[in-house]
Amino acid sequence: MRQMTVPVIYKNIQVQAELKLDVMVNDSVIVELKAVEQIHPIHEAQLLTYMKLLKKPKGLLINFHTDNITRSIKPFVNEYFSALPD
């Protein structure tokens, strides 16, 4: 699935916010794409927030501003990861 809007619910109230994640893979992996000189903690927090709001176990943060894409991929897992089947 391509870019999608993430609903923000706080204390059972849906907050009017426009959060959009870049890519969802197999309804379980969120991929956040960047093209910045350096990944900052705010980029990681953004991905972790999407994972928590959507209750998804895995995330990938990929920075395309590099000469070696394989070194620019950061994987993330959260508490939902342990609930995945083996």
C-alpha atoms as a PDB file:
ATOM      1  CA  MET A   1       0.000   0.000   0.000  1.00  0.00           C
ATOM      2  CA  ARG A   2       1.248   3.472  -0.760  1.00  0.00           C
ATOM      3  CA  GLN A   3       0.993   6.613   1.360  1.00  0.00           C
ATOM      4  CA  MET A   4      -1.855   6.518   3.857  1.00  0.00           C
ATOM      5  CA  THR A   5      -3.306   8.773   6.530  1.00  0.00           C
ATOM      6  CA  VAL A   6      -2.737   7.637  10.110  1.00  0.00           C
ATOM      7  CA  PRO A   7      -5.634   8.230  12.519  1.00  0.00           C
ATOM      8  CA  VAL A   8      -4.566   9.741  15.851  1.00  0.00           C
ATOM      9  CA  ILE A   9      -6.680   8.623  18.797  1.00  0.00           C
ATOM     10  CA  TYR A  10      -5.972   9.978  22.270  1.00  0.00           C
ATOM     11  CA  LYS A  11      -8.077   8.869  25.247  1.00  0.00           C
ATOM     12  CA  ASN A  12     -10.730   7.469  22.865  1.00  0.00           C
ATOM     13  CA  ILE A  13     -10.990  10.793  21.002  1.00  0.00           C
ATOM     14  CA  GLN A  14      -9.882  11.060  17.387  1.00  0.00           C
ATOM     15  CA  VAL A  15      -7.605  14.074  17.044  1.00  0.00           C
ATOM     16  CA  GLN A  16      -7.779  16.065  13.821  1.00  0.00           C
ATOM     17  CA  ALA A  17      -4.236  15.531  12.582  1.00  0.00           C
ATOM     18  CA  GLU A  18      -2.748  14.889   9.163  1.00  0.00           C
ATOM     19  CA  LEU A  19      -0.132  12.206   9.713  1.00  0.00           C
ATOM     20  CA  LYS A  20       0.788  10.311   6.566  1.00  0.00           C
ATOM     21  CA  LEU A  21       3.082   7.340   6.425  1.00  0.00           C
ATOM     22  CA  ASP A  22       4.952   6.548   3.235  1.00  0.00           C
ATOM     23  CA  VAL A  23       4.481   2.811   2.648  1.00  0.00           C
ATOM     24  CA  MET A  24       2.784  -0.120   4.409  1.00  0.00           C
ATOM     25  CA  VAL A  25       3.939  -3.631   3.442  1.00  0.00           C
ATOM     26  CA  ASN A  26       1.767  -6.711   4.103  1.00  0.00           C
ATOM     27  CA  ASP A  27      -0.201  -4.799   6.740  1.00  0.00           C
ATOM     28  CA  SER A  28       2.676  -5.283   9.199  1.00  0.00           C
ATOM     29  CA  VAL A  29       5.751  -3.298   8.108  1.00  0.00           C
ATOM     30  CA  ILE A  30       5.777   0.494   7.947  1.00  0.00           C
ATOM     31  CA  VAL A  31       8.422   1.983   5.666  1.00  0.00           C
ATOM     32  CA  GLU A  32       9.370   5.618   6.193  1.00  0.00           C
ATOM     33  CA  LEU A  33      11.382   7.146   3.349  1.00  0.00           C
ATOM     34  CA  LYS A  34      13.752  10.086   3.730  1.00  0.00           C
ATOM     35  CA  ALA A  35      16.224  11.925   1.539  1.00  0.00           C
ATOM     36  CA  VAL A  36      18.212  13.900   4.108  1.00  0.00           C
ATOM     37  CA  GLU A  37      21.905  14.351   4.822  1.00  0.00           C
ATOM     38  CA  GLN A  38      21.557  12.772   8.254  1.00  0.00           C
ATOM     39  CA  ILE A  39      18.863  10.818  10.066  1.00  0.00           C
ATOM     40  CA  HIS A  40      17.890  12.559  13.316  1.00  0.00           C
ATOM     41  CA  PRO A  41      16.060  11.219  16.372  1.00  0.00           C
ATOM     42  CA  ILE A  42      12.872  12.993  15.214  1.00  0.00           C
ATOM     43  CA  HIS A  43      12.816  10.762  12.109  1.00  0.00           C
ATOM     44  CA  GLU A  44      13.042   7.658  14.285  1.00  0.00           C
ATOM     45  CA  ALA A  45      10.353   9.024  16.626  1.00  0.00           C
ATOM     46  CA  GLN A  46       8.082   9.631  13.644  1.00  0.00           C
ATOM     47  CA  LEU A  47       8.347   5.997  12.534  1.00  0.00           C
ATOM     48  CA  LEU A  48       7.934   4.653  16.072  1.00  0.00           C
ATOM     49  CA  THR A  49       4.823   6.825  16.498  1.00  0.00           C
ATOM     50  CA  TYR A  50       3.270   5.428  13.312  1.00  0.00           C
ATOM     51  CA  MET A  51       4.053   1.899  14.490  1.00  0.00           C
ATOM     52  CA  LYS A  52       2.422   2.511  17.857  1.00  0.00           C
ATOM     53  CA  LEU A  53      -0.671   4.299  16.515  1.00  0.00           C
ATOM     54  CA  LEU A  54      -1.314   1.559  13.961  1.00  0.00           C
ATOM     55  CA  LYS A  55      -0.179  -1.291  16.258  1.00  0.00           C
ATOM     56  CA  LYS A  56       2.290  -2.580  13.679  1.00  0.00           C
ATOM     57  CA  PRO A  57       5.278  -4.671  14.812  1.00  0.00           C
ATOM     58  CA  LYS A  58       7.971  -3.681  12.319  1.00  0.00           C
ATOM     59  CA  GLY A  59       9.315  -0.541  10.683  1.00  0.00           C
ATOM     60  CA  LEU A  60      12.072   0.445   8.302  1.00  0.00           C
ATOM     61  CA  LEU A  61      13.607   3.902   8.077  1.00  0.00           C
ATOM     62  CA  ILE A  62      15.346   4.332   4.727  1.00  0.00           C
ATOM     63  CA  ASN A  63      17.454   7.342   3.785  1.00  0.00           C
ATOM     64  CA  PHE A  64      18.038   7.777   0.053  1.00  0.00           C
ATOM     65  CA  HIS A  65      20.626  10.540   0.509  1.00  0.00           C
ATOM     66  CA  THR A  66      23.531   8.086   0.436  1.00  0.00           C
ATOM     67  CA  ASP A  67      25.968   6.331  -1.839  1.00  0.00           C
ATOM     68  CA  ASN A  68      25.158   2.940  -0.255  1.00  0.00           C
ATOM     69  CA  ILE A  69      21.459   2.340   0.406  1.00  0.00           C
ATOM     70  CA  THR A  70      22.060  -0.856   2.389  1.00  0.00           C
ATOM     71  CA  ARG A  71      23.937   1.107   5.071  1.00  0.00           C
ATOM     72  CA  SER A  72      21.160   3.683   5.316  1.00  0.00           C
ATOM     73  CA  ILE A  73      18.361   1.282   6.332  1.00  0.00           C
ATOM     74  CA  LYS A  74      17.429   1.201  10.033  1.00  0.00           C
ATOM     75  CA  PRO A  75      15.054  -1.557  11.162  1.00  0.00           C
ATOM     76  CA  PHE A  76      12.748  -1.134  14.174  1.00  0.00           C
ATOM     77  CA  VAL A  77      10.527  -3.497  16.148  1.00  0.00           C
ATOM     78  CA  ASN A  78       8.220  -2.794  19.083  1.00  0.00           C
ATOM     79  CA  GLU A  79       6.141  -4.628  21.683  1.00  0.00           C
ATOM     80  CA  TYR A  80       3.797  -5.972  18.971  1.00  0.00           C
ATOM     81  CA  PHE A  81       6.675  -7.920  17.412  1.00  0.00           C
ATOM     82  CA  SER A  82       6.638 -10.591  20.137  1.00  0.00           C
ATOM     83  CA  ALA A  83       2.983 -11.360  19.332  1.00  0.00           C
ATOM     84  CA  LEU A  84       3.810 -12.380  15.746  1.00  0.00           C
ATOM     85  CA  PRO A  85       3.519 -16.087  14.908  1.00  0.00           C
ATOM     86  CA  ASP A  86       6.792 -18.001  14.467  1.00  0.00           C
END
